[in-house]
């Protein structure tokens, strides 16, 4: 299993890139969101990967974080969701958006992905809603981007390399969500209810600190 690709970005297409790893070129399929965040040609790049194996086909799919890769693998367990649909959903919503939509039962957001109809979107919600809290709780450890700063590019006149950019905002939001979820569960709330409350708060207050998220989530969970 190829779990990560690190090398030089040699070419980009509409839905895939070519990454040179010490003279060997790997074609890696990526979402529109991931493609938009890729560095320039000739620069170092690193992606976590998932290998799709079929009788007549081998395809690598790339993700900037392990969190997004985990969501891809979960989405693929839903009947009717293939790699193309999964990448479309992740490209439209991002890893955090997918978790929030599934936890809140927001099928309309899932349906916004190209090629995903209402029935399939509803099936994604129904089949993954119970699993979403676990992925959200693990979000802090999985949200770090694959590092490209250790990539060695061998060429006569090496292009200047930039270290991988860290999405500090996404990491901060993931930390706040996971810490708030853990606190609510420790207070005795069910993981599913707690995750839904946290997702609701993060949708309204995406930049909130952990303490603010917990207080707001408690209000959401309070008996009506």
N, C-alpha and C. Protein backbone atom coordinates (compact mmCIF):
# COMPACT_ATOMS: atom_id res chain seq x y z
N UNK A 1 0.84 -1.20 0.00
CA UNK A 1 0.00 0.00 0.00
C UNK A 1 0.87 1.25 0.00
N UNK A 2 0.59 2.16 -0.89
CA UNK A 2 1.31 3.44 -0.95
C UNK A 2 0.53 4.44 -0.11
N UNK A 3 1.11 4.83 1.03
CA UNK A 3 0.40 5.69 1.97
C UNK A 3 0.68 7.16 1.82
N UNK A 4 1.82 7.50 1.19
CA UNK A 4 2.16 8.91 1.02
C UNK A 4 3.10 9.05 -0.17
N UNK A 5 2.93 10.12 -0.92
CA UNK A 5 3.80 10.44 -2.05
C UNK A 5 4.45 11.79 -1.78
N UNK A 6 5.78 11.84 -1.87
CA UNK A 6 6.51 13.10 -1.68
C UNK A 6 7.52 13.24 -2.82
N UNK A 7 7.47 14.37 -3.48
CA UNK A 7 8.40 14.59 -4.59
C UNK A 7 8.21 15.96 -5.20
N UNK A 8 8.43 16.04 -6.52
CA UNK A 8 8.33 17.30 -7.24
C UNK A 8 7.09 17.29 -8.12
N UNK A 9 6.34 18.38 -8.07
CA UNK A 9 5.16 18.50 -8.91
C UNK A 9 5.60 18.78 -10.34
N UNK A 10 5.37 17.82 -11.23
CA UNK A 10 5.83 17.94 -12.61
C UNK A 10 4.74 18.41 -13.57
N UNK A 11 3.48 18.11 -13.23
CA UNK A 11 2.39 18.42 -14.17
C UNK A 11 1.07 18.36 -13.42
N UNK A 12 0.13 19.18 -13.86
CA UNK A 12 -1.21 19.13 -13.27
C UNK A 12 -2.26 19.11 -14.36
N UNK A 13 -3.29 18.29 -14.17
CA UNK A 13 -4.41 18.23 -15.09
C UNK A 13 -5.65 18.77 -14.42
N UNK A 14 -6.81 18.41 -14.95
CA UNK A 14 -8.06 18.92 -14.39
C UNK A 14 -8.46 18.20 -13.11
N UNK A 15 -8.04 16.94 -12.97
CA UNK A 15 -8.40 16.18 -11.77
C UNK A 15 -7.26 15.33 -11.23
N UNK A 16 -6.05 15.52 -11.75
CA UNK A 16 -4.92 14.74 -11.29
C UNK A 16 -3.62 15.49 -11.50
N UNK A 17 -2.58 15.02 -10.82
CA UNK A 17 -1.26 15.62 -10.95
C UNK A 17 -0.23 14.53 -11.19
N UNK A 18 0.93 14.92 -11.69
CA UNK A 18 2.05 14.01 -11.86
C UNK A 18 3.15 14.44 -10.89
N UNK A 19 3.52 13.54 -10.00
CA UNK A 19 4.55 13.83 -9.01
C UNK A 19 5.78 12.97 -9.28
N UNK A 20 6.90 13.63 -9.47
CA UNK A 20 8.16 12.93 -9.73
C UNK A 20 8.83 12.59 -8.40
N UNK A 21 9.04 11.30 -8.16
CA UNK A 21 9.71 10.83 -6.95
C UNK A 21 11.00 10.15 -7.36
N UNK A 22 12.09 10.92 -7.34
CA UNK A 22 13.42 10.41 -7.71
C UNK A 22 13.41 9.70 -9.06
N UNK A 23 12.80 10.36 -10.04
CA UNK A 23 12.82 9.85 -11.40
C UNK A 23 11.64 8.99 -11.79
N UNK A 24 10.78 8.64 -10.83
CA UNK A 24 9.59 7.85 -11.13
C UNK A 24 8.37 8.76 -10.99
N UNK A 25 7.56 8.83 -12.05
CA UNK A 25 6.39 9.70 -12.04
C UNK A 25 5.14 8.97 -11.60
N UNK A 26 4.44 9.51 -10.61
CA UNK A 26 3.19 8.93 -10.12
C UNK A 26 2.03 9.85 -10.47
N UNK A 27 1.01 9.29 -11.09
CA UNK A 27 -0.22 10.04 -11.36
C UNK A 27 -1.12 9.89 -10.14
N UNK A 28 -1.51 11.02 -9.55
CA UNK A 28 -2.33 11.02 -8.34
C UNK A 28 -3.58 11.85 -8.60
N UNK A 29 -4.74 11.26 -8.40
CA UNK A 29 -6.01 11.97 -8.59
C UNK A 29 -6.35 12.74 -7.32
N UNK A 30 -6.78 13.98 -7.51
CA UNK A 30 -7.06 14.86 -6.38
C UNK A 30 -8.38 15.60 -6.61
N UNK A 31 -8.94 16.14 -5.54
CA UNK A 31 -10.16 16.93 -5.65
C UNK A 31 -9.83 18.34 -6.15
N UNK A 32 -10.86 19.08 -6.56
CA UNK A 32 -10.65 20.46 -7.02
C UNK A 32 -10.06 21.31 -5.91
N UNK A 33 -10.50 21.09 -4.69
CA UNK A 33 -10.02 21.86 -3.55
C UNK A 33 -8.53 21.60 -3.31
N UNK A 34 -8.14 20.33 -3.38
CA UNK A 34 -6.73 19.98 -3.20
C UNK A 34 -5.89 20.53 -4.33
N UNK A 35 -6.39 20.41 -5.55
CA UNK A 35 -5.66 20.90 -6.72
C UNK A 35 -5.41 22.41 -6.60
N UNK A 36 -6.39 23.14 -6.13
CA UNK A 36 -6.25 24.59 -6.00
C UNK A 36 -5.19 24.97 -4.97
N UNK A 37 -4.94 24.10 -4.00
CA UNK A 37 -3.96 24.41 -2.97
C UNK A 37 -2.57 23.88 -3.25
N UNK A 38 -2.36 23.29 -4.43
CA UNK A 38 -1.06 22.71 -4.77
C UNK A 38 -0.05 23.81 -5.08
N UNK A 39 1.24 23.55 -4.84
CA UNK A 39 2.28 24.54 -5.16
C UNK A 39 2.51 24.63 -6.67
N UNK A 40 3.44 25.46 -7.07
CA UNK A 40 3.73 25.62 -8.49
C UNK A 40 4.52 24.45 -9.05
N UNK A 41 4.54 24.33 -10.37
CA UNK A 41 5.31 23.25 -11.01
C UNK A 41 6.79 23.37 -10.64
N UNK A 42 7.39 22.23 -10.38
CA UNK A 42 8.78 22.20 -9.99
C UNK A 42 9.01 22.29 -8.50
N UNK A 43 7.97 22.58 -7.74
CA UNK A 43 8.11 22.71 -6.29
C UNK A 43 7.81 21.39 -5.59
N UNK A 44 8.27 21.30 -4.35
CA UNK A 44 8.07 20.09 -3.55
C UNK A 44 6.61 19.96 -3.14
N UNK A 45 6.13 18.72 -3.13
CA UNK A 45 4.74 18.47 -2.78
C UNK A 45 4.67 17.12 -2.06
N UNK A 46 3.72 17.00 -1.16
CA UNK A 46 3.53 15.75 -0.43
C UNK A 46 2.04 15.53 -0.19
N UNK A 47 1.56 14.34 -0.49
CA UNK A 47 0.15 14.00 -0.32
C UNK A 47 0.01 12.64 0.33
N UNK A 48 -0.95 12.52 1.24
CA UNK A 48 -1.32 11.19 1.71
C UNK A 48 -2.13 10.54 0.59
N UNK A 49 -1.99 9.23 0.43
CA UNK A 49 -2.62 8.58 -0.72
C UNK A 49 -3.41 7.34 -0.32
N UNK A 50 -4.38 7.03 -1.16
CA UNK A 50 -5.16 5.80 -1.04
C UNK A 50 -5.14 5.12 -2.39
N UNK A 51 -4.80 3.85 -2.41
CA UNK A 51 -4.66 3.11 -3.67
C UNK A 51 -5.93 2.32 -3.95
N UNK A 52 -6.55 2.60 -5.09
CA UNK A 52 -7.74 1.88 -5.53
C UNK A 52 -7.29 0.76 -6.47
N UNK A 53 -7.63 -0.48 -6.12
CA UNK A 53 -7.20 -1.63 -6.90
C UNK A 53 -8.42 -2.31 -7.51
N UNK A 54 -8.40 -2.41 -8.83
CA UNK A 54 -9.42 -3.16 -9.55
C UNK A 54 -8.73 -4.14 -10.48
N UNK A 55 -9.50 -5.01 -11.10
CA UNK A 55 -8.91 -6.03 -11.96
C UNK A 55 -8.08 -5.41 -13.09
N UNK A 56 -8.58 -4.33 -13.66
CA UNK A 56 -7.91 -3.73 -14.81
C UNK A 56 -7.44 -2.31 -14.54
N UNK A 57 -7.35 -1.92 -13.25
CA UNK A 57 -7.04 -0.53 -12.97
C UNK A 57 -6.39 -0.36 -11.61
N UNK A 58 -5.36 0.49 -11.55
CA UNK A 58 -4.73 0.91 -10.30
C UNK A 58 -4.74 2.44 -10.32
N UNK A 59 -5.35 3.05 -9.30
CA UNK A 59 -5.41 4.50 -9.23
C UNK A 59 -5.02 4.98 -7.84
N UNK A 60 -4.21 6.03 -7.81
CA UNK A 60 -3.83 6.66 -6.56
C UNK A 60 -4.65 7.93 -6.37
N UNK A 61 -5.22 8.10 -5.18
CA UNK A 61 -5.96 9.30 -4.85
C UNK A 61 -5.22 10.02 -3.72
N UNK A 62 -5.05 11.34 -3.88
CA UNK A 62 -4.23 12.08 -2.94
C UNK A 62 -5.02 13.06 -2.08
N UNK A 63 -4.53 13.25 -0.84
CA UNK A 63 -5.21 14.10 0.14
C UNK A 63 -4.18 14.90 0.93
N UNK A 64 -4.46 16.16 1.21
CA UNK A 64 -3.50 16.98 1.95
C UNK A 64 -3.38 16.59 3.42
N UNK A 65 -4.42 15.97 4.00
CA UNK A 65 -4.37 15.57 5.41
C UNK A 65 -4.90 14.14 5.56
N UNK A 66 -4.51 13.49 6.67
CA UNK A 66 -5.02 12.16 6.96
C UNK A 66 -6.51 12.22 7.27
N UNK A 67 -6.98 13.35 7.80
CA UNK A 67 -8.41 13.49 8.10
C UNK A 67 -9.23 13.36 6.82
N UNK A 68 -8.78 14.03 5.77
CA UNK A 68 -9.50 13.96 4.51
C UNK A 68 -9.44 12.55 3.92
N UNK A 69 -8.29 11.91 4.09
CA UNK A 69 -8.16 10.53 3.61
C UNK A 69 -9.12 9.60 4.34
N UNK A 70 -9.25 9.78 5.66
CA UNK A 70 -10.17 8.95 6.43
C UNK A 70 -11.61 9.16 6.00
N UNK A 71 -11.97 10.41 5.70
CA UNK A 71 -13.33 10.66 5.22
C UNK A 71 -13.55 10.01 3.86
N UNK A 72 -12.53 10.05 3.01
CA UNK A 72 -12.63 9.40 1.70
C UNK A 72 -12.91 7.91 1.87
N UNK A 73 -12.17 7.27 2.75
CA UNK A 73 -12.34 5.84 2.96
C UNK A 73 -13.74 5.53 3.52
N UNK A 74 -14.23 6.39 4.41
CA UNK A 74 -15.58 6.19 4.96
C UNK A 74 -16.65 6.41 3.90
N UNK A 75 -16.50 7.46 3.12
CA UNK A 75 -17.47 7.75 2.07
C UNK A 75 -17.56 6.58 1.08
N UNK A 76 -16.42 5.95 0.81
CA UNK A 76 -16.38 4.85 -0.14
C UNK A 76 -17.11 3.61 0.37
N UNK A 77 -17.40 3.55 1.67
CA UNK A 77 -18.13 2.40 2.21
C UNK A 77 -19.63 2.52 1.96
N UNK A 78 -20.08 3.70 1.57
CA UNK A 78 -21.51 3.91 1.31
C UNK A 78 -21.85 3.36 -0.06
N UNK A 79 -22.90 2.56 -0.12
CA UNK A 79 -23.32 1.98 -1.38
C UNK A 79 -23.64 3.08 -2.40
N UNK A 80 -23.03 2.99 -3.56
CA UNK A 80 -23.28 3.97 -4.61
C UNK A 80 -22.27 5.10 -4.65
N UNK A 81 -21.41 5.19 -3.62
CA UNK A 81 -20.39 6.23 -3.61
C UNK A 81 -19.06 5.62 -4.07
N UNK A 82 -18.66 5.97 -5.27
CA UNK A 82 -17.37 5.54 -5.77
C UNK A 82 -16.33 6.60 -5.51
N UNK A 83 -15.14 6.37 -6.02
CA UNK A 83 -14.05 7.32 -5.80
C UNK A 83 -14.38 8.70 -6.37
N UNK A 84 -15.03 8.73 -7.54
CA UNK A 84 -15.35 10.00 -8.17
C UNK A 84 -16.32 10.82 -7.31
N UNK A 85 -17.35 10.16 -6.79
CA UNK A 85 -18.33 10.86 -5.96
C UNK A 85 -17.70 11.32 -4.65
N UNK A 86 -16.87 10.46 -4.07
CA UNK A 86 -16.20 10.82 -2.82
C UNK A 86 -15.33 12.06 -3.00
N UNK A 87 -14.56 12.09 -4.08
CA UNK A 87 -13.69 13.23 -4.33
C UNK A 87 -14.50 14.49 -4.61
N UNK A 88 -15.66 14.32 -5.25
CA UNK A 88 -16.52 15.47 -5.52
C UNK A 88 -17.06 16.05 -4.22
N UNK A 89 -17.46 15.17 -3.30
CA UNK A 89 -17.99 15.63 -2.01
C UNK A 89 -16.90 16.34 -1.21
N UNK A 90 -15.71 15.75 -1.16
CA UNK A 90 -14.61 16.37 -0.43
C UNK A 90 -14.15 17.66 -1.09
N UNK A 91 -14.20 17.69 -2.42
CA UNK A 91 -13.80 18.89 -3.13
C UNK A 91 -14.76 20.04 -2.90
N UNK A 92 -16.03 19.71 -2.68
CA UNK A 92 -17.05 20.73 -2.45
C UNK A 92 -17.07 21.21 -1.00
N UNK A 93 -16.96 20.28 -0.06
CA UNK A 93 -17.14 20.62 1.35
C UNK A 93 -15.85 20.66 2.16
N UNK A 94 -14.81 19.94 1.73
CA UNK A 94 -13.62 19.81 2.55
C UNK A 94 -13.87 18.83 3.68
N UNK A 95 -12.81 18.39 4.36
CA UNK A 95 -12.96 17.39 5.41
C UNK A 95 -13.84 17.89 6.56
N UNK A 96 -13.61 19.12 7.00
CA UNK A 96 -14.40 19.67 8.11
C UNK A 96 -15.86 19.82 7.71
N UNK A 97 -16.09 20.27 6.47
CA UNK A 97 -17.46 20.46 6.01
C UNK A 97 -18.22 19.16 5.89
N UNK A 98 -17.53 18.10 5.46
CA UNK A 98 -18.17 16.79 5.36
C UNK A 98 -18.60 16.31 6.74
N UNK A 99 -17.70 16.44 7.72
CA UNK A 99 -18.03 16.02 9.07
C UNK A 99 -19.20 16.78 9.64
N UNK A 100 -19.22 18.10 9.39
CA UNK A 100 -20.31 18.93 9.92
C UNK A 100 -21.63 18.57 9.24
N UNK A 101 -21.62 18.39 7.92
CA UNK A 101 -22.85 18.09 7.19
C UNK A 101 -23.44 16.75 7.62
N UNK A 102 -22.58 15.74 7.77
CA UNK A 102 -23.06 14.42 8.15
C UNK A 102 -23.59 14.44 9.58
N UNK A 103 -22.88 15.08 10.48
CA UNK A 103 -23.30 15.13 11.88
C UNK A 103 -24.64 15.84 12.03
N UNK A 104 -24.85 16.91 11.26
CA UNK A 104 -26.08 17.68 11.34
C UNK A 104 -27.20 17.12 10.47
N UNK A 105 -26.89 16.05 9.71
CA UNK A 105 -27.91 15.49 8.83
C UNK A 105 -28.24 16.41 7.67
N UNK A 106 -27.26 17.20 7.25
CA UNK A 106 -27.47 18.19 6.19
C UNK A 106 -27.23 17.57 4.81
N UNK A 107 -28.23 16.85 4.32
CA UNK A 107 -28.10 16.18 3.02
C UNK A 107 -27.99 17.18 1.88
N UNK A 108 -28.57 18.36 2.04
CA UNK A 108 -28.54 19.36 0.98
C UNK A 108 -27.10 19.80 0.67
N UNK A 109 -26.28 19.92 1.72
CA UNK A 109 -24.88 20.31 1.50
C UNK A 109 -24.13 19.21 0.75
N UNK A 110 -24.38 17.96 1.12
CA UNK A 110 -23.74 16.83 0.42
C UNK A 110 -24.19 16.79 -1.03
N UNK A 111 -25.46 17.08 -1.25
CA UNK A 111 -26.02 17.06 -2.59
C UNK A 111 -25.42 18.15 -3.48
N UNK A 112 -24.80 19.16 -2.88
CA UNK A 112 -24.20 20.24 -3.66
C UNK A 112 -22.99 19.77 -4.46
N UNK A 113 -22.45 18.61 -4.12
CA UNK A 113 -21.30 18.08 -4.86
C UNK A 113 -21.73 17.63 -6.25
N UNK A 114 -20.94 17.91 -7.28
CA UNK A 114 -21.30 17.51 -8.65
C UNK A 114 -21.52 16.00 -8.76
N UNK A 115 -22.64 15.64 -9.38
CA UNK A 115 -22.93 14.22 -9.61
C UNK A 115 -23.58 13.50 -8.44
N UNK A 116 -23.84 14.19 -7.35
CA UNK A 116 -24.46 13.55 -6.18
C UNK A 116 -25.92 13.97 -6.10
N UNK A 117 -26.81 12.99 -6.27
CA UNK A 117 -28.23 13.28 -6.23
C UNK A 117 -28.79 13.22 -4.82
N UNK A 118 -30.07 13.59 -4.65
CA UNK A 118 -30.68 13.63 -3.32
C UNK A 118 -30.72 12.28 -2.61
N UNK A 119 -30.99 11.20 -3.34
CA UNK A 119 -31.06 9.88 -2.72
C UNK A 119 -29.69 9.45 -2.21
N UNK A 120 -28.66 9.69 -3.01
CA UNK A 120 -27.31 9.31 -2.60
C UNK A 120 -26.85 10.16 -1.42
N UNK A 121 -27.17 11.44 -1.46
CA UNK A 121 -26.80 12.33 -0.35
C UNK A 121 -27.46 11.87 0.95
N UNK A 122 -28.72 11.49 0.87
CA UNK A 122 -29.43 11.03 2.06
C UNK A 122 -28.84 9.72 2.57
N UNK A 123 -28.41 8.87 1.65
CA UNK A 123 -27.81 7.59 2.05
C UNK A 123 -26.48 7.83 2.77
N UNK A 124 -25.72 8.81 2.29
CA UNK A 124 -24.45 9.15 2.95
C UNK A 124 -24.71 9.57 4.39
N UNK A 125 -25.74 10.40 4.59
CA UNK A 125 -26.07 10.86 5.94
C UNK A 125 -26.48 9.70 6.82
N UNK A 126 -27.37 8.86 6.34
CA UNK A 126 -27.91 7.77 7.14
C UNK A 126 -26.85 6.75 7.53
N UNK A 127 -25.96 6.41 6.57
CA UNK A 127 -24.98 5.36 6.82
C UNK A 127 -23.77 5.83 7.61
N UNK A 128 -23.48 7.13 7.58
CA UNK A 128 -22.26 7.60 8.24
C UNK A 128 -22.50 8.45 9.49
N UNK A 129 -23.73 8.80 9.77
CA UNK A 129 -23.99 9.70 10.90
C UNK A 129 -23.47 9.12 12.22
N UNK A 130 -23.60 7.82 12.41
CA UNK A 130 -23.14 7.21 13.65
C UNK A 130 -21.62 7.16 13.73
N UNK A 131 -20.95 7.20 12.58
CA UNK A 131 -19.48 7.10 12.56
C UNK A 131 -18.81 8.47 12.60
N UNK A 132 -19.55 9.51 12.29
CA UNK A 132 -18.97 10.85 12.21
C UNK A 132 -18.33 11.33 13.51
N UNK A 133 -18.95 11.11 14.69
CA UNK A 133 -18.33 11.60 15.93
C UNK A 133 -16.93 11.06 16.16
N UNK A 134 -16.70 9.79 15.84
CA UNK A 134 -15.38 9.21 16.03
C UNK A 134 -14.32 9.87 15.17
N UNK A 135 -14.67 10.17 13.93
CA UNK A 135 -13.72 10.83 13.04
C UNK A 135 -13.47 12.26 13.50
N UNK A 136 -14.54 12.94 13.95
CA UNK A 136 -14.39 14.31 14.43
C UNK A 136 -13.51 14.36 15.68
N UNK A 137 -13.67 13.37 16.56
CA UNK A 137 -12.87 13.34 17.78
C UNK A 137 -11.40 13.12 17.47
N UNK A 138 -11.11 12.41 16.39
CA UNK A 138 -9.72 12.16 16.01
C UNK A 138 -9.16 13.26 15.12
N UNK A 139 -9.97 14.28 14.88
CA UNK A 139 -9.60 15.31 13.91
C UNK A 139 -8.31 16.03 14.20
N UNK A 140 -7.98 16.26 15.48
CA UNK A 140 -6.76 17.00 15.82
C UNK A 140 -5.53 16.27 15.32
N UNK A 141 -5.47 14.98 15.59
CA UNK A 141 -4.29 14.22 15.20
C UNK A 141 -4.21 13.95 13.72
N UNK A 142 -5.32 14.12 13.00
CA UNK A 142 -5.34 13.79 11.58
C UNK A 142 -5.33 15.01 10.67
N UNK A 143 -5.41 16.23 11.25
CA UNK A 143 -5.59 17.41 10.42
C UNK A 143 -4.28 18.03 9.93
N UNK A 144 -3.14 17.55 10.40
CA UNK A 144 -1.86 18.09 9.95
C UNK A 144 -1.63 17.73 8.49
N UNK A 145 -1.09 18.68 7.73
CA UNK A 145 -0.84 18.45 6.33
C UNK A 145 0.41 17.60 6.13
N UNK A 146 0.41 16.82 5.04
CA UNK A 146 1.59 16.03 4.70
C UNK A 146 2.75 16.99 4.44
N UNK A 147 3.87 16.80 5.11
CA UNK A 147 5.00 17.73 4.99
C UNK A 147 5.79 17.51 3.72
N UNK A 148 6.15 18.61 3.06
CA UNK A 148 6.97 18.52 1.85
C UNK A 148 8.37 19.05 2.09
N UNK A 149 8.64 19.50 3.34
CA UNK A 149 9.94 20.13 3.59
C UNK A 149 11.08 19.13 3.65
N UNK A 150 10.77 17.81 3.71
CA UNK A 150 11.84 16.82 3.73
C UNK A 150 12.06 16.19 2.36
N UNK A 151 11.41 16.74 1.32
CA UNK A 151 11.53 16.18 -0.02
C UNK A 151 12.84 16.61 -0.65
N UNK A 152 13.54 15.64 -1.25
CA UNK A 152 14.78 15.94 -1.95
C UNK A 152 14.50 15.95 -3.45
N UNK A 153 14.75 17.08 -4.08
CA UNK A 153 14.54 17.21 -5.52
C UNK A 153 15.91 17.25 -6.19
N UNK A 154 16.18 16.25 -7.01
CA UNK A 154 17.48 16.15 -7.65
C UNK A 154 17.40 16.63 -9.09
N UNK A 155 18.05 17.72 -9.37
CA UNK A 155 18.09 18.27 -10.72
C UNK A 155 19.30 19.19 -10.82
N UNK A 156 19.70 19.52 -12.04
CA UNK A 156 20.91 20.31 -12.25
C UNK A 156 20.80 21.67 -11.58
N UNK A 157 19.66 22.32 -11.75
CA UNK A 157 19.46 23.64 -11.15
C UNK A 157 18.18 23.59 -10.35
N UNK A 158 18.26 23.14 -9.11
CA UNK A 158 17.05 22.93 -8.32
C UNK A 158 16.24 24.20 -8.14
N UNK A 159 14.94 24.06 -8.32
CA UNK A 159 14.04 25.19 -8.10
C UNK A 159 13.93 25.42 -6.60
N UNK A 160 13.78 26.66 -6.18
CA UNK A 160 13.65 26.93 -4.74
C UNK A 160 12.41 26.25 -4.18
N UNK A 161 12.58 25.64 -3.02
CA UNK A 161 11.48 24.92 -2.39
C UNK A 161 10.91 25.72 -1.23
N UNK A 162 9.62 25.64 -1.10
CA UNK A 162 8.95 26.28 0.02
C UNK A 162 8.41 25.20 0.93
N UNK A 163 8.54 25.37 2.22
CA UNK A 163 7.96 24.38 3.13
C UNK A 163 6.45 24.36 2.99
N UNK A 164 5.89 23.20 3.26
CA UNK A 164 4.44 23.06 3.14
C UNK A 164 3.74 24.07 4.05
N UNK A 165 2.71 24.69 3.51
CA UNK A 165 1.97 25.66 4.29
C UNK A 165 1.06 24.95 5.29
N UNK A 166 1.06 25.41 6.48
CA UNK A 166 0.20 24.83 7.50
C UNK A 166 -1.06 25.67 7.62
N UNK A 167 -2.18 25.03 7.46
CA UNK A 167 -3.46 25.73 7.60
C UNK A 167 -3.75 25.86 9.09
N UNK A 168 -3.23 26.94 9.69
CA UNK A 168 -3.36 27.12 11.12
C UNK A 168 -4.82 27.28 11.55
N UNK A 169 -5.62 27.92 10.69
CA UNK A 169 -7.04 28.08 11.02
C UNK A 169 -7.76 26.75 11.11
N UNK A 170 -7.50 25.86 10.14
CA UNK A 170 -8.14 24.55 10.15
C UNK A 170 -7.68 23.73 11.35
N UNK A 171 -6.39 23.81 11.67
CA UNK A 171 -5.87 23.06 12.82
C UNK A 171 -6.49 23.58 14.12
N UNK A 172 -6.63 24.91 14.23
CA UNK A 172 -7.21 25.50 15.42
C UNK A 172 -8.67 25.09 15.58
N UNK A 173 -9.41 25.10 14.46
CA UNK A 173 -10.82 24.70 14.52
C UNK A 173 -10.96 23.23 14.88
N UNK A 174 -10.07 22.39 14.31
CA UNK A 174 -10.12 20.96 14.62
C UNK A 174 -9.82 20.72 16.09
N UNK A 175 -8.86 21.47 16.63
CA UNK A 175 -8.51 21.32 18.05
C UNK A 175 -9.68 21.73 18.94
N UNK A 176 -10.29 22.87 18.62
CA UNK A 176 -11.42 23.35 19.41
C UNK A 176 -12.58 22.36 19.36
N UNK A 177 -12.85 21.83 18.19
CA UNK A 177 -13.96 20.87 18.03
C UNK A 177 -13.70 19.60 18.84
N UNK A 178 -12.49 19.05 18.69
CA UNK A 178 -12.17 17.79 19.37
C UNK A 178 -12.14 17.97 20.89
N UNK A 179 -11.55 19.08 21.37
CA UNK A 179 -11.49 19.32 22.81
C UNK A 179 -12.89 19.54 23.40
N UNK A 180 -13.72 20.28 22.68
CA UNK A 180 -15.08 20.52 23.15
C UNK A 180 -15.88 19.22 23.17
N UNK A 181 -15.72 18.41 22.13
CA UNK A 181 -16.42 17.13 22.06
C UNK A 181 -16.01 16.23 23.23
N UNK A 182 -14.70 16.18 23.50
CA UNK A 182 -14.20 15.36 24.61
C UNK A 182 -14.77 15.85 25.95
N UNK A 183 -14.81 17.17 26.13
CA UNK A 183 -15.32 17.73 27.39
C UNK A 183 -16.79 17.39 27.57
N UNK A 184 -17.58 17.48 26.53
CA UNK A 184 -19.01 17.21 26.63
C UNK A 184 -19.27 15.73 26.93
N UNK A 185 -18.49 14.86 26.29
CA UNK A 185 -18.63 13.43 26.55
C UNK A 185 -18.27 13.12 28.01
N UNK A 186 -17.22 13.77 28.49
CA UNK A 186 -16.82 13.58 29.89
C UNK A 186 -17.88 14.09 30.86
N UNK A 187 -18.69 15.04 30.41
CA UNK A 187 -19.77 15.56 31.25
C UNK A 187 -21.00 14.64 31.24
N UNK A 188 -20.93 13.59 30.41
CA UNK A 188 -22.01 12.63 30.41
C UNK A 188 -22.92 12.66 29.20
N UNK A 189 -22.67 13.55 28.26
CA UNK A 189 -23.50 13.60 27.05
C UNK A 189 -23.09 12.48 26.09
N UNK A 190 -24.05 11.98 25.36
CA UNK A 190 -23.76 10.97 24.36
C UNK A 190 -22.88 11.53 23.26
N UNK A 191 -22.02 10.68 22.69
CA UNK A 191 -21.08 11.18 21.69
C UNK A 191 -21.78 11.75 20.47
N UNK A 192 -22.86 11.08 20.04
CA UNK A 192 -23.59 11.58 18.88
C UNK A 192 -24.22 12.94 19.13
N UNK A 193 -24.89 13.09 20.28
CA UNK A 193 -25.52 14.37 20.62
C UNK A 193 -24.47 15.47 20.78
N UNK A 194 -23.36 15.12 21.44
CA UNK A 194 -22.30 16.10 21.66
C UNK A 194 -21.68 16.54 20.34
N UNK A 195 -21.44 15.59 19.45
CA UNK A 195 -20.84 15.92 18.15
C UNK A 195 -21.76 16.82 17.35
N UNK A 196 -23.06 16.55 17.40
CA UNK A 196 -24.02 17.37 16.66
C UNK A 196 -24.05 18.80 17.22
N UNK A 197 -23.99 18.92 18.54
CA UNK A 197 -23.99 20.24 19.15
C UNK A 197 -22.73 21.02 18.78
N UNK A 198 -21.58 20.34 18.83
CA UNK A 198 -20.31 20.99 18.47
C UNK A 198 -20.33 21.42 17.01
N UNK A 199 -20.84 20.56 16.14
CA UNK A 199 -20.90 20.89 14.72
C UNK A 199 -21.80 22.11 14.48
N UNK A 200 -22.91 22.18 15.22
CA UNK A 200 -23.82 23.32 15.09
C UNK A 200 -23.11 24.60 15.49
N UNK A 201 -22.40 24.56 16.63
CA UNK A 201 -21.70 25.75 17.12
C UNK A 201 -20.59 26.17 16.16
N UNK A 202 -19.82 25.19 15.66
CA UNK A 202 -18.71 25.52 14.77
C UNK A 202 -19.21 26.07 13.44
N UNK A 203 -20.42 25.68 13.05
CA UNK A 203 -20.99 26.25 11.84
C UNK A 203 -21.33 27.72 12.02
N UNK A 204 -21.77 28.09 13.24
CA UNK A 204 -22.12 29.48 13.52
C UNK A 204 -20.92 30.31 13.96
N UNK A 205 -20.00 29.66 14.69
CA UNK A 205 -18.83 30.37 15.24
C UNK A 205 -17.55 29.61 14.89
N UNK A 206 -17.16 29.61 13.63
CA UNK A 206 -16.02 28.79 13.19
C UNK A 206 -14.69 29.17 13.85
N UNK A 207 -14.55 30.39 14.33
CA UNK A 207 -13.28 30.82 14.93
C UNK A 207 -13.32 30.82 16.45
N UNK A 208 -14.34 30.24 17.04
CA UNK A 208 -14.49 30.25 18.49
C UNK A 208 -13.43 29.41 19.18
N UNK A 209 -13.02 29.86 20.36
CA UNK A 209 -12.09 29.09 21.19
C UNK A 209 -12.85 27.94 21.85
N UNK A 210 -12.08 26.98 22.40
CA UNK A 210 -12.69 25.78 22.97
C UNK A 210 -13.72 26.10 24.04
N UNK A 211 -13.38 27.01 24.97
CA UNK A 211 -14.30 27.34 26.06
C UNK A 211 -15.62 27.90 25.52
N UNK A 212 -15.52 28.73 24.49
CA UNK A 212 -16.73 29.31 23.89
C UNK A 212 -17.56 28.24 23.23
N UNK A 213 -16.90 27.31 22.55
CA UNK A 213 -17.62 26.21 21.89
C UNK A 213 -18.35 25.37 22.92
N UNK A 214 -17.68 25.07 24.03
CA UNK A 214 -18.31 24.24 25.07
C UNK A 214 -19.54 24.94 25.64
N UNK A 215 -19.42 26.24 25.96
CA UNK A 215 -20.55 26.97 26.53
C UNK A 215 -21.73 27.02 25.56
N UNK A 216 -21.42 27.30 24.30
CA UNK A 216 -22.48 27.38 23.30
C UNK A 216 -23.11 26.01 23.06
N UNK A 217 -22.28 24.96 23.06
CA UNK A 217 -22.80 23.60 22.84
C UNK A 217 -23.70 23.18 24.00
N UNK A 218 -23.35 23.58 25.21
CA UNK A 218 -24.19 23.26 26.36
C UNK A 218 -25.57 23.89 26.23
N UNK A 219 -25.62 25.10 25.66
CA UNK A 219 -26.91 25.76 25.44
C UNK A 219 -27.72 25.00 24.40
N UNK A 220 -27.03 24.49 23.38
CA UNK A 220 -27.71 23.70 22.35
C UNK A 220 -28.27 22.42 22.94
N UNK A 221 -27.51 21.82 23.87
CA UNK A 221 -27.91 20.55 24.46
C UNK A 221 -28.91 20.69 25.59
N UNK A 222 -29.10 21.92 26.07
CA UNK A 222 -30.01 22.14 27.20
C UNK A 222 -31.43 21.75 26.82
N UNK A 223 -32.17 21.16 27.75
CA UNK A 223 -33.57 20.77 27.48
C UNK A 223 -34.39 21.98 27.04
N UNK A 224 -35.20 21.79 26.03
CA UNK A 224 -36.03 22.90 25.53
C UNK A 224 -37.25 23.11 26.43
